[in-house]
PDB file of N, CA and C in Angstrom:
ATOM      1  N   UNK A   1      32.091  51.397  -7.242  1.00  0.00           N
ATOM      2  CA  UNK A   1      30.888  51.801  -7.950  1.00  0.00           C
ATOM      3  C   UNK A   1      30.034  52.687  -7.077  1.00  0.00           C
ATOM      4  N   UNK A   2      29.439  53.653  -7.661  1.00  0.00           N
ATOM      5  CA  UNK A   2      28.556  54.537  -6.922  1.00  0.00           C
ATOM      6  C   UNK A   2      27.145  53.991  -6.962  1.00  0.00           C
ATOM      7  N   UNK A   3      26.310  54.495  -6.097  1.00  0.00           N
ATOM      8  CA  UNK A   3      24.917  54.043  -6.066  1.00  0.00           C
ATOM      9  C   UNK A   3      24.184  54.490  -7.333  1.00  0.00           C
ATOM     10  N   UNK A   4      24.645  55.583  -7.923  1.00  0.00           N
ATOM     11  CA  UNK A   4      23.996  56.063  -9.143  1.00  0.00           C
ATOM     12  C   UNK A   4      24.257  55.100 -10.306  1.00  0.00           C
ATOM     13  N   UNK A   5      25.467  54.580 -10.415  1.00  0.00           N
ATOM     14  CA  UNK A   5      25.763  53.653 -11.508  1.00  0.00           C
ATOM     15  C   UNK A   5      25.016  52.345 -11.328  1.00  0.00           C
ATOM     16  N   UNK A   6      24.772  51.940 -10.083  1.00  0.00           N
ATOM     17  CA  UNK A   6      24.014  50.722  -9.845  1.00  0.00           C
ATOM     18  C   UNK A   6      22.546  50.923 -10.174  1.00  0.00           C
ATOM     19  N   UNK A   7      22.012  52.078  -9.894  1.00  0.00           N
ATOM     20  CA  UNK A   7      20.585  52.307 -10.109  1.00  0.00           C
ATOM     21  C   UNK A   7      20.226  52.376 -11.590  1.00  0.00           C
ATOM     22  N   UNK A   8      21.149  52.772 -12.447  1.00  0.00           N
ATOM     23  CA  UNK A   8      20.809  52.860 -13.864  1.00  0.00           C
ATOM     24  C   UNK A   8      20.664  51.480 -14.482  1.00  0.00           C
ATOM     25  N   UNK A   9      21.321  50.462 -13.931  1.00  0.00           N
ATOM     26  CA  UNK A   9      21.191  49.105 -14.465  1.00  0.00           C
ATOM     27  C   UNK A   9      20.102  48.322 -13.757  1.00  0.00           C
ATOM     28  N   UNK A  10      19.686  48.785 -12.607  1.00  0.00           N
ATOM     29  CA  UNK A  10      18.715  48.051 -11.808  1.00  0.00           C
ATOM     30  C   UNK A  10      17.373  47.951 -12.521  1.00  0.00           C
ATOM     31  N   UNK A  11      16.892  49.023 -13.086  1.00  0.00           N
ATOM     32  CA  UNK A  11      15.576  49.042 -13.711  1.00  0.00           C
ATOM     33  C   UNK A  11      15.631  48.936 -15.214  1.00  0.00           C
ATOM     34  N   UNK A  12      16.671  48.332 -15.757  1.00  0.00           N
ATOM     35  CA  UNK A  12      16.786  48.279 -17.216  1.00  0.00           C
ATOM     36  C   UNK A  12      15.715  47.371 -17.790  1.00  0.00           C
ATOM     37  N   UNK A  13      15.178  47.782 -18.901  1.00  0.00           N
ATOM     38  CA  UNK A  13      14.160  46.993 -19.583  1.00  0.00           C
ATOM     39  C   UNK A  13      14.636  46.744 -21.001  1.00  0.00           C
ATOM     40  N   UNK A  14      13.846  46.003 -21.765  1.00  0.00           N
ATOM     41  CA  UNK A  14      14.246  45.694 -23.134  1.00  0.00           C
ATOM     42  C   UNK A  14      14.291  46.933 -24.008  1.00  0.00           C
ATOM     43  N   UNK A  15      13.475  47.917 -23.700  1.00  0.00           N
ATOM     44  CA  UNK A  15      13.520  49.139 -24.500  1.00  0.00           C
ATOM     45  C   UNK A  15      14.856  49.845 -24.333  1.00  0.00           C
ATOM     46  N   UNK A  16      15.520  49.617 -23.190  1.00  0.00           N
ATOM     47  CA  UNK A  16      16.832  50.204 -22.967  1.00  0.00           C
ATOM     48  C   UNK A  16      17.953  49.343 -23.535  1.00  0.00           C
ATOM     49  N   UNK A  17      17.678  48.124 -23.925  1.00  0.00           N
ATOM     50  CA  UNK A  17      18.723  47.225 -24.398  1.00  0.00           C
ATOM     51  C   UNK A  17      19.195  47.595 -25.800  1.00  0.00           C
ATOM     52  N   UNK A  18      18.319  48.158 -26.618  1.00  0.00           N
ATOM     53  CA  UNK A  18      18.716  48.467 -27.980  1.00  0.00           C
ATOM     54  C   UNK A  18      19.837  49.503 -28.031  1.00  0.00           C
ATOM     55  N   UNK A  19      19.771  50.628 -27.305  1.00  0.00           N
ATOM     56  CA  UNK A  19      20.898  51.564 -27.342  1.00  0.00           C
ATOM     57  C   UNK A  19      22.185  50.960 -26.782  1.00  0.00           C
ATOM     58  N   UNK A  20      22.083  50.113 -25.745  1.00  0.00           N
ATOM     59  CA  UNK A  20      23.282  49.487 -25.191  1.00  0.00           C
ATOM     60  C   UNK A  20      23.926  48.574 -26.218  1.00  0.00           C
ATOM     61  N   UNK A  21      23.116  47.794 -26.910  1.00  0.00           N
ATOM     62  CA  UNK A  21      23.647  46.833 -27.869  1.00  0.00           C
ATOM     63  C   UNK A  21      23.899  47.476 -29.236  1.00  0.00           C
ATOM     64  N   UNK A  22      23.487  48.712 -29.418  1.00  0.00           N
ATOM     65  CA  UNK A  22      23.649  49.455 -30.667  1.00  0.00           C
ATOM     66  C   UNK A  22      23.027  48.712 -31.848  1.00  0.00           C
ATOM     67  N   UNK A  23      21.807  48.234 -31.654  1.00  0.00           N
ATOM     68  CA  UNK A  23      21.086  47.513 -32.696  1.00  0.00           C
ATOM     69  C   UNK A  23      20.068  48.425 -33.354  1.00  0.00           C
ATOM     70  N   UNK A  24      19.770  48.149 -34.611  1.00  0.00           N
ATOM     71  CA  UNK A  24      18.770  48.917 -35.333  1.00  0.00           C
ATOM     72  C   UNK A  24      17.411  48.220 -35.300  1.00  0.00           C
ATOM     73  N   UNK A  25      17.415  46.901 -35.208  1.00  0.00           N
ATOM     74  CA  UNK A  25      16.171  46.143 -35.175  1.00  0.00           C
ATOM     75  C   UNK A  25      15.523  46.304 -33.803  1.00  0.00           C
ATOM     76  N   UNK A  26      14.194  46.238 -33.730  1.00  0.00           N
ATOM     77  CA  UNK A  26      13.495  46.444 -32.444  1.00  0.00           C
ATOM     78  C   UNK A  26      13.564  45.209 -31.545  1.00  0.00           C
ATOM     79  N   UNK A  27      14.303  45.318 -30.468  1.00  0.00           N
ATOM     80  CA  UNK A  27      14.449  44.217 -29.524  1.00  0.00           C
ATOM     81  C   UNK A  27      13.113  43.911 -28.852  1.00  0.00           C
ATOM     82  N   UNK A  28      12.338  44.923 -28.548  1.00  0.00           N
ATOM     83  CA  UNK A  28      11.062  44.707 -27.861  1.00  0.00           C
ATOM     84  C   UNK A  28      10.090  43.905 -28.724  1.00  0.00           C
ATOM     85  N   UNK A  29      10.108  44.119 -30.027  1.00  0.00           N
ATOM     86  CA  UNK A  29       9.219  43.359 -30.915  1.00  0.00           C
ATOM     87  C   UNK A  29       9.653  41.895 -30.985  1.00  0.00           C
ATOM     88  N   UNK A  30      10.963  41.657 -31.068  1.00  0.00           N
ATOM     89  CA  UNK A  30      11.468  40.281 -31.076  1.00  0.00           C
ATOM     90  C   UNK A  30      11.114  39.608 -29.751  1.00  0.00           C
ATOM     91  N   UNK A  31      11.251  40.325 -28.646  1.00  0.00           N
ATOM     92  CA  UNK A  31      10.904  39.780 -27.342  1.00  0.00           C
ATOM     93  C   UNK A  31       9.425  39.414 -27.287  1.00  0.00           C
ATOM     94  N   UNK A  32       8.580  40.295 -27.774  1.00  0.00           N
ATOM     95  CA  UNK A  32       7.133  40.026 -27.757  1.00  0.00           C
ATOM     96  C   UNK A  32       6.797  38.799 -28.597  1.00  0.00           C
ATOM     97  N   UNK A  33       7.393  38.695 -29.787  1.00  0.00           N
ATOM     98  CA  UNK A  33       7.121  37.552 -30.650  1.00  0.00           C
ATOM     99  C   UNK A  33       7.634  36.247 -30.045  1.00  0.00           C
ATOM    100  N   UNK A  34       8.785  36.302 -29.376  1.00  0.00           N
ATOM    101  CA  UNK A  34       9.301  35.109 -28.710  1.00  0.00           C
ATOM    102  C   UNK A  34       8.390  34.677 -27.572  1.00  0.00           C
ATOM    103  N   UNK A  35       7.884  35.643 -26.821  1.00  0.00           N
ATOM    104  CA  UNK A  35       7.007  35.303 -25.697  1.00  0.00           C
ATOM    105  C   UNK A  35       5.647  34.798 -26.181  1.00  0.00           C
ATOM    106  N   UNK A  36       5.106  35.397 -27.233  1.00  0.00           N
ATOM    107  CA  UNK A  36       3.819  34.949 -27.765  1.00  0.00           C
ATOM    108  C   UNK A  36       3.910  33.525 -28.297  1.00  0.00           C
ATOM    109  N   UNK A  37       5.029  33.192 -28.923  1.00  0.00           N
ATOM    110  CA  UNK A  37       5.225  31.851 -29.445  1.00  0.00           C
ATOM    111  C   UNK A  37       5.769  30.886 -28.415  1.00  0.00           C
ATOM    112  N   UNK A  38       6.019  31.356 -27.188  1.00  0.00           N
ATOM    113  CA  UNK A  38       6.561  30.567 -26.081  1.00  0.00           C
ATOM    114  C   UNK A  38       7.865  29.874 -26.486  1.00  0.00           C
ATOM    115  N   UNK A  39       8.758  30.633 -27.155  1.00  0.00           N
ATOM    116  CA  UNK A  39      10.042  30.100 -27.573  1.00  0.00           C
ATOM    117  C   UNK A  39      11.122  30.346 -26.537  1.00  0.00           C
ATOM    118  N   UNK A  40      11.071  31.475 -25.850  1.00  0.00           N
ATOM    119  CA  UNK A  40      12.121  31.788 -24.880  1.00  0.00           C
ATOM    120  C   UNK A  40      11.589  32.754 -23.840  1.00  0.00           C
ATOM    121  N   UNK A  41      12.084  32.611 -22.614  1.00  0.00           N
ATOM    122  CA  UNK A  41      11.675  33.511 -21.542  1.00  0.00           C
ATOM    123  C   UNK A  41      12.850  34.255 -20.925  1.00  0.00           C
ATOM    124  N   UNK A  42      14.063  34.032 -21.419  1.00  0.00           N
ATOM    125  CA  UNK A  42      15.225  34.714 -20.860  1.00  0.00           C
ATOM    126  C   UNK A  42      15.308  36.143 -21.375  1.00  0.00           C
ATOM    127  N   UNK A  43      15.888  37.002 -20.571  1.00  0.00           N
ATOM    128  CA  UNK A  43      16.014  38.409 -20.945  1.00  0.00           C
ATOM    129  C   UNK A  43      17.025  38.612 -22.063  1.00  0.00           C
ATOM    130  N   UNK A  44      18.109  37.844 -22.090  1.00  0.00           N
ATOM    131  CA  UNK A  44      19.151  38.060 -23.093  1.00  0.00           C
ATOM    132  C   UNK A  44      18.812  37.448 -24.445  1.00  0.00           C
ATOM    133  N   UNK A  45      17.886  36.533 -24.506  1.00  0.00           N
ATOM    134  CA  UNK A  45      17.562  35.856 -25.765  1.00  0.00           C
ATOM    135  C   UNK A  45      17.104  36.822 -26.850  1.00  0.00           C
ATOM    136  N   UNK A  46      16.168  37.750 -26.597  1.00  0.00           N
ATOM    137  CA  UNK A  46      15.745  38.651 -27.680  1.00  0.00           C
ATOM    138  C   UNK A  46      16.862  39.575 -28.158  1.00  0.00           C
ATOM    139  N   UNK A  47      17.735  40.000 -27.264  1.00  0.00           N
ATOM    140  CA  UNK A  47      18.841  40.868 -27.665  1.00  0.00           C
ATOM    141  C   UNK A  47      19.799  40.086 -28.566  1.00  0.00           C
ATOM    142  N   UNK A  48      20.097  38.851 -28.171  1.00  0.00           N
ATOM    143  CA  UNK A  48      20.994  38.006 -28.948  1.00  0.00           C
ATOM    144  C   UNK A  48      20.392  37.684 -30.313  1.00  0.00           C
ATOM    145  N   UNK A  49      19.123  37.291 -30.348  1.00  0.00           N
ATOM    146  CA  UNK A  49      18.461  36.953 -31.598  1.00  0.00           C
ATOM    147  C   UNK A  49      18.335  38.173 -32.508  1.00  0.00           C
ATOM    148  N   UNK A  50      18.068  39.328 -31.940  1.00  0.00           N
ATOM    149  CA  UNK A  50      17.993  40.555 -32.728  1.00  0.00           C
ATOM    150  C   UNK A  50      19.343  40.862 -33.360  1.00  0.00           C
ATOM    151  N   UNK A  51      20.414  40.664 -32.621  1.00  0.00           N
ATOM    152  CA  UNK A  51      21.747  40.860 -33.181  1.00  0.00           C
ATOM    153  C   UNK A  51      22.036  39.915 -34.330  1.00  0.00           C
ATOM    154  N   UNK A  52      21.619  38.662 -34.185  1.00  0.00           N
ATOM    155  CA  UNK A  52      21.810  37.684 -35.257  1.00  0.00           C
ATOM    156  C   UNK A  52      21.016  38.075 -36.492  1.00  0.00           C
ATOM    157  N   UNK A  53      19.753  38.449 -36.298  1.00  0.00           N
ATOM    158  CA  UNK A  53      18.919  38.861 -37.434  1.00  0.00           C
ATOM    159  C   UNK A  53      19.506  40.071 -38.144  1.00  0.00           C
ATOM    160  N   UNK A  54      19.980  41.022 -37.363  1.00  0.00           N
ATOM    161  CA  UNK A  54      20.567  42.225 -37.964  1.00  0.00           C
ATOM    162  C   UNK A  54      21.846  41.893 -38.735  1.00  0.00           C
ATOM    163  N   UNK A  55      22.666  40.990 -38.189  1.00  0.00           N
ATOM    164  CA  UNK A  55      23.889  40.579 -38.859  1.00  0.00           C
ATOM    165  C   UNK A  55      23.570  39.876 -40.174  1.00  0.00           C
ATOM    166  N   UNK A  56      22.610  38.959 -40.160  1.00  0.00           N
ATOM    167  CA  UNK A  56      22.221  38.262 -41.385  1.00  0.00           C
ATOM    168  C   UNK A  56      21.686  39.229 -42.433  1.00  0.00           C
ATOM    169  N   UNK A  57      20.829  40.152 -42.017  1.00  0.00           N
ATOM    170  CA  UNK A  57      20.265  41.113 -42.967  1.00  0.00           C
ATOM    171  C   UNK A  57      21.346  42.011 -43.557  1.00  0.00           C
ATOM    172  N   UNK A  58      22.301  42.411 -42.747  1.00  0.00           N
ATOM    173  CA  UNK A  58      23.390  43.258 -43.253  1.00  0.00           C
ATOM    174  C   UNK A  58      24.206  42.515 -44.301  1.00  0.00           C
ATOM    175  N   UNK A  59      24.504  41.242 -44.038  1.00  0.00           N
ATOM    176  CA  UNK A  59      25.258  40.461 -45.012  1.00  0.00           C
ATOM    177  C   UNK A  59      24.467  40.237 -46.297  1.00  0.00           C
ATOM    178  N   UNK A  60      23.196  39.906 -46.156  1.00  0.00           N
ATOM    179  CA  UNK A  60      22.363  39.665 -47.341  1.00  0.00           C
ATOM    180  C   UNK A  60      22.237  40.935 -48.167  1.00  0.00           C
ATOM    181  N   UNK A  61      21.983  42.063 -47.517  1.00  0.00           N
ATOM    182  CA  UNK A  61      21.841  43.317 -48.262  1.00  0.00           C
ATOM    183  C   UNK A  61      23.166  43.761 -48.880  1.00  0.00           C
ATOM    184  N   UNK A  62      24.277  43.477 -48.212  1.00  0.00           N
ATOM    185  CA  UNK A  62      25.579  43.801 -48.787  1.00  0.00           C
ATOM    186  C   UNK A  62      25.814  42.998 -50.064  1.00  0.00           C
ATOM    187  N   UNK A  63      25.548  41.699 -50.012  1.00  0.00           N
ATOM    188  CA  UNK A  63      25.714  40.861 -51.200  1.00  0.00           C
ATOM    189  C   UNK A  63      24.731  41.246 -52.303  1.00  0.00           C
ATOM    190  N   UNK A  64      23.496  41.595 -51.924  1.00  0.00           N
ATOM    191  CA  UNK A  64      22.507  42.017 -52.917  1.00  0.00           C
ATOM    192  C   UNK A  64      22.910  43.353 -53.547  1.00  0.00           C
ATOM    193  N   UNK A  65      23.513  44.239 -52.762  1.00  0.00           N
ATOM    194  CA  UNK A  65      24.011  45.504 -53.317  1.00  0.00           C
ATOM    195  C   UNK A  65      25.124  45.280 -54.319  1.00  0.00           C
ATOM    196  N   UNK A  66      25.986  44.308 -54.042  1.00  0.00           N
ATOM    197  CA  UNK A  66      27.043  43.978 -55.002  1.00  0.00           C
ATOM    198  C   UNK A  66      26.453  43.394 -56.281  1.00  0.00           C
ATOM    199  N   UNK A  67      25.407  42.577 -56.141  1.00  0.00           N
ATOM    200  CA  UNK A  67      24.725  42.034 -57.324  1.00  0.00           C
ATOM    201  C   UNK A  67      24.091  43.162 -58.141  1.00  0.00           C
ATOM    202  N   UNK A  68      23.515  44.148 -57.465  1.00  0.00           N
ATOM    203  CA  UNK A  68      22.915  45.278 -58.165  1.00  0.00           C
ATOM    204  C   UNK A  68      23.979  46.077 -58.912  1.00  0.00           C
ATOM    205  N   UNK A  69      25.151  46.261 -58.283  1.00  0.00           N
ATOM    206  CA  UNK A  69      26.242  46.985 -58.956  1.00  0.00           C
ATOM    207  C   UNK A  69      26.738  46.235 -60.182  1.00  0.00           C
ATOM    208  N   UNK A  70      26.808  44.924 -60.075  1.00  0.00           N
ATOM    209  CA  UNK A  70      27.243  44.118 -61.220  1.00  0.00           C
ATOM    210  C   UNK A  70      26.288  44.317 -62.398  1.00  0.00           C
ATOM    211  N   UNK A  71      25.004  44.460 -62.101  1.00  0.00           N
ATOM    212  CA  UNK A  71      23.989  44.652 -63.138  1.00  0.00           C
ATOM    213  C   UNK A  71      23.770  46.128 -63.473  1.00  0.00           C
ATOM    214  N   UNK A  72      24.644  46.994 -62.985  1.00  0.00           N
ATOM    215  CA  UNK A  72      24.581  48.441 -63.250  1.00  0.00           C
ATOM    216  C   UNK A  72      23.250  49.047 -62.804  1.00  0.00           C
ATOM    217  N   UNK A  73      22.802  48.646 -61.615  1.00  0.00           N
ATOM    218  CA  UNK A  73      21.570  49.174 -61.035  1.00  0.00           C
ATOM    219  C   UNK A  73      21.907  49.919 -59.747  1.00  0.00           C
ATOM    220  N   UNK A  74      21.071  50.891 -59.433  1.00  0.00           N
ATOM    221  CA  UNK A  74      21.266  51.676 -58.217  1.00  0.00           C
ATOM    222  C   UNK A  74      20.476  51.068 -57.058  1.00  0.00           C
ATOM    223  N   UNK A  75      19.303  50.527 -57.368  1.00  0.00           N
ATOM    224  CA  UNK A  75      18.430  49.973 -56.336  1.00  0.00           C
ATOM    225  C   UNK A  75      18.528  48.450 -56.300  1.00  0.00           C
ATOM    226  N   UNK A  76      18.344  47.922 -55.097  1.00  0.00           N
ATOM    227  CA  UNK A  76      18.333  46.473 -54.914  1.00  0.00           C
ATOM    228  C   UNK A  76      16.922  45.975 -55.172  1.00  0.00           C
ATOM    229  N   UNK A  77      16.792  44.983 -56.033  1.00  0.00           N
ATOM    230  CA  UNK A  77      15.490  44.381 -56.315  1.00  0.00           C
ATOM    231  C   UNK A  77      15.436  42.992 -55.670  1.00  0.00           C
ATOM    232  N   UNK A  78      14.248  42.405 -55.588  1.00  0.00           N
ATOM    233  CA  UNK A  78      14.153  41.049 -55.044  1.00  0.00           C
ATOM    234  C   UNK A  78      14.997  40.033 -55.805  1.00  0.00           C
ATOM    235  N   UNK A  79      15.178  40.257 -57.096  1.00  0.00           N
ATOM    236  CA  UNK A  79      16.012  39.351 -57.887  1.00  0.00           C
ATOM    237  C   UNK A  79      17.471  39.416 -57.442  1.00  0.00           C
ATOM    238  N   UNK A  80      17.935  40.596 -57.053  1.00  0.00           N
ATOM    239  CA  UNK A  80      19.302  40.740 -56.569  1.00  0.00           C
ATOM    240  C   UNK A  80      19.474  39.993 -55.239  1.00  0.00           C
ATOM    241  N   UNK A  81      18.472  40.078 -54.386  1.00  0.00           N
ATOM    242  CA  UNK A  81      18.531  39.366 -53.110  1.00  0.00           C
ATOM    243  C   UNK A  81      18.545  37.857 -53.365  1.00  0.00           C
ATOM    244  N   UNK A  82      17.691  37.419 -54.278  1.00  0.00           N
ATOM    245  CA  UNK A  82      17.631  36.000 -54.595  1.00  0.00           C
ATOM    246  C   UNK A  82      18.962  35.498 -55.156  1.00  0.00           C
ATOM    247  N   UNK A  83      19.554  36.248 -56.056  1.00  0.00           N
ATOM    248  CA  UNK A  83      20.847  35.855 -56.621  1.00  0.00           C
ATOM    249  C   UNK A  83      21.932  35.843 -55.558  1.00  0.00           C
ATOM    250  N   UNK A  84      21.877  36.805 -54.646  1.00  0.00           N
ATOM    251  CA  UNK A  84      22.868  36.848 -53.569  1.00  0.00           C
ATOM    252  C   UNK A  84      22.751  35.614 -52.683  1.00  0.00           C
ATOM    253  N   UNK A  85      21.528  35.192 -52.386  1.00  0.00           N
ATOM    254  CA  UNK A  85      21.326  34.004 -51.559  1.00  0.00           C
ATOM    255  C   UNK A  85      21.756  32.737 -52.287  1.00  0.00           C
ATOM    256  N   UNK A  86      21.547  32.690 -53.584  1.00  0.00           N
ATOM    257  CA  UNK A  86      21.923  31.505 -54.363  1.00  0.00           C
ATOM    258  C   UNK A  86      23.437  31.429 -54.531  1.00  0.00           C
ATOM    259  N   UNK A  87      24.086  32.553 -54.754  1.00  0.00           N
ATOM    260  CA  UNK A  87      25.523  32.560 -55.027  1.00  0.00           C
ATOM    261  C   UNK A  87      26.388  32.352 -53.793  1.00  0.00           C
ATOM    262  N   UNK A  88      25.872  32.642 -52.604  1.00  0.00           N
ATOM    263  CA  UNK A  88      26.637  32.462 -51.377  1.00  0.00           C
ATOM    264  C   UNK A  88      26.335  31.075 -50.810  1.00  0.00           C
ATOM    265  N   UNK A  89      27.375  30.265 -50.678  1.00  0.00           N
ATOM    266  CA  UNK A  89      27.174  28.870 -50.257  1.00  0.00           C
ATOM    267  C   UNK A  89      26.565  28.755 -48.863  1.00  0.00           C
ATOM    268  N   UNK A  90      27.055  29.541 -47.909  1.00  0.00           N
ATOM    269  CA  UNK A  90      26.536  29.460 -46.536  1.00  0.00           C
ATOM    270  C   UNK A  90      25.084  29.897 -46.459  1.00  0.00           C
ATOM    271  N   UNK A  91      24.746  30.995 -47.114  1.00  0.00           N
ATOM    272  CA  UNK A  91      23.359  31.460 -47.091  1.00  0.00           C
ATOM    273  C   UNK A  91      22.448  30.510 -47.860  1.00  0.00           C
ATOM    274  N   UNK A  92      22.955  29.931 -48.928  1.00  0.00           N
ATOM    275  CA  UNK A  92      22.157  28.978 -49.689  1.00  0.00           C
ATOM    276  C   UNK A  92      21.805  27.771 -48.814  1.00  0.00           C
ATOM    277  N   UNK A  93      22.797  27.274 -48.059  1.00  0.00           N
ATOM    278  CA  UNK A  93      22.532  26.146 -47.163  1.00  0.00           C
ATOM    279  C   UNK A  93      21.585  26.528 -46.033  1.00  0.00           C
ATOM    280  N   UNK A  94      21.709  27.755 -45.532  1.00  0.00           N
ATOM    281  CA  UNK A  94      20.852  28.201 -44.434  1.00  0.00           C
ATOM    282  C   UNK A  94      19.391  28.293 -44.859  1.00  0.00           C
ATOM    283  N   UNK A  95      19.153  28.787 -46.072  1.00  0.00           N
ATOM    284  CA  UNK A  95      17.784  29.029 -46.516  1.00  0.00           C
ATOM    285  C   UNK A  95      17.206  27.930 -47.395  1.00  0.00           C
ATOM    286  N   UNK A  96      17.894  26.798 -47.524  1.00  0.00           N
ATOM    287  CA  UNK A  96      17.301  25.706 -48.297  1.00  0.00           C
ATOM    288  C   UNK A  96      16.174  25.082 -47.477  1.00  0.00           C
ATOM    289  N   UNK A  97      15.198  24.481 -48.141  1.00  0.00           N
ATOM    290  CA  UNK A  97      14.023  23.962 -47.414  1.00  0.00           C
ATOM    291  C   UNK A  97      14.347  22.918 -46.355  1.00  0.00           C
ATOM    292  N   UNK A  98      15.394  22.132 -46.533  1.00  0.00           N
ATOM    293  CA  UNK A  98      15.699  21.078 -45.575  1.00  0.00           C
ATOM    294  C   UNK A  98      16.704  21.514 -44.510  1.00  0.00           C
ATOM    295  N   UNK A  99      16.938  22.811 -44.364  1.00  0.00           N
ATOM    296  CA  UNK A  99      17.929  23.292 -43.394  1.00  0.00           C
ATOM    297  C   UNK A  99      17.479  23.067 -41.959  1.00  0.00           C
ATOM    298  N   UNK A 100      16.197  23.087 -41.712  1.00  0.00           N
ATOM    299  CA  UNK A 100      15.672  22.907 -40.364  1.00  0.00           C
ATOM    300  C   UNK A 100      14.831  21.647 -40.326  1.00  0.00           C
ATOM    301  N   UNK A 101      14.881  20.944 -39.227  1.00  0.00           N
ATOM    302  CA  UNK A 101      14.107  19.715 -39.120  1.00  0.00           C
ATOM    303  C   UNK A 101      12.625  20.052 -39.023  1.00  0.00           C
ATOM    304  N   UNK A 102      11.842  19.238 -39.630  1.00  0.00           N
ATOM    305  CA  UNK A 102      10.400  19.437 -39.608  1.00  0.00           C
ATOM    306  C   UNK A 102       9.854  18.842 -38.310  1.00  0.00           C
ATOM    307  N   UNK A 103       8.862  19.496 -37.705  1.00  0.00           N
ATOM    308  CA  UNK A 103       8.292  18.935 -36.480  1.00  0.00           C
ATOM    309  C   UNK A 103       7.567  17.632 -36.793  1.00  0.00           C
ATOM    310  N   UNK A 104       7.718  16.676 -35.909  1.00  0.00           N
ATOM    311  CA  UNK A 104       7.040  15.406 -36.106  1.00  0.00           C
ATOM    312  C   UNK A 104       5.585  15.541 -35.711  1.00  0.00           C
ATOM    313  N   UNK A 105       4.757  14.758 -36.357  1.00  0.00           N
ATOM    314  CA  UNK A 105       3.329  14.817 -36.061  1.00  0.00           C
ATOM    315  C   UNK A 105       3.081  14.261 -34.668  1.00  0.00           C
ATOM    316  N   UNK A 106       2.232  14.928 -33.919  1.00  0.00           N
ATOM    317  CA  UNK A 106       1.905  14.450 -32.587  1.00  0.00           C
ATOM    318  C   UNK A 106       0.916  13.299 -32.709  1.00  0.00           C
ATOM    319  N   UNK A 107       0.920  12.390 -31.766  1.00  0.00           N
ATOM    320  CA  UNK A 107      -0.021  11.265 -31.842  1.00  0.00           C
ATOM    321  C   UNK A 107      -1.448  11.773 -31.724  1.00  0.00           C
ATOM    322  N   UNK A 108      -2.385  11.082 -32.354  1.00  0.00           N
ATOM    323  CA  UNK A 108      -3.772  11.551 -32.304  1.00  0.00           C
ATOM    324  C   UNK A 108      -4.312  11.493 -30.884  1.00  0.00           C
ATOM    325  N   UNK A 109      -5.186  12.421 -30.588  1.00  0.00           N
ATOM    326  CA  UNK A 109      -5.782  12.474 -29.260  1.00  0.00           C
ATOM    327  C   UNK A 109      -6.740  11.294 -29.086  1.00  0.00           C
ATOM    328  N   UNK A 110      -6.787  10.727 -27.883  1.00  0.00           N
ATOM    329  CA  UNK A 110      -7.701   9.596 -27.675  1.00  0.00           C
ATOM    330  C   UNK A 110      -9.155  10.052 -27.801  1.00  0.00           C
ATOM    331  N   UNK A 111      -9.967   9.161 -28.332  1.00  0.00           N
ATOM    332  CA  UNK A 111     -11.385   9.500 -28.534  1.00  0.00           C
ATOM    333  C   UNK A 111     -12.130   9.434 -27.213  1.00  0.00           C
ATOM    334  N   UNK A 112     -13.039  10.348 -27.020  1.00  0.00           N
ATOM    335  CA  UNK A 112     -13.865  10.357 -25.808  1.00  0.00           C
ATOM    336  C   UNK A 112     -15.222   9.769 -26.129  1.00  0.00           C
ATOM    337  N   UNK A 113     -15.738   9.043 -25.200  1.00  0.00           N
ATOM    338  CA  UNK A 113     -17.065   8.427 -25.404  1.00  0.00           C
ATOM    339  C   UNK A 113     -18.107   9.123 -24.593  1.00  0.00           C
TER     340      UNK A 113
END
């Protein structure tokens, strides 16, 4: 390896990760939202999560486009997206209300006198 090839990876930031990963979604925005919510501090987490979000959106829009074609429409409407989510078993399970555990209530804070 040359010193030039090492230097291009040395100062890489999240803004440079999107072209490397060939993602369309903004990795920097996902990173900012993860940090603001204190969900993750690793560098690879926003790139990975952005890839997952992009993959899910591509699948949902593909299924919604097929629903629009079935209904002889050119544009995808919210109803097409809804039907696509209902008709696909995996997506239906993912987006059902009980798919994620609800946070438990924290105990009440002790009273101060």
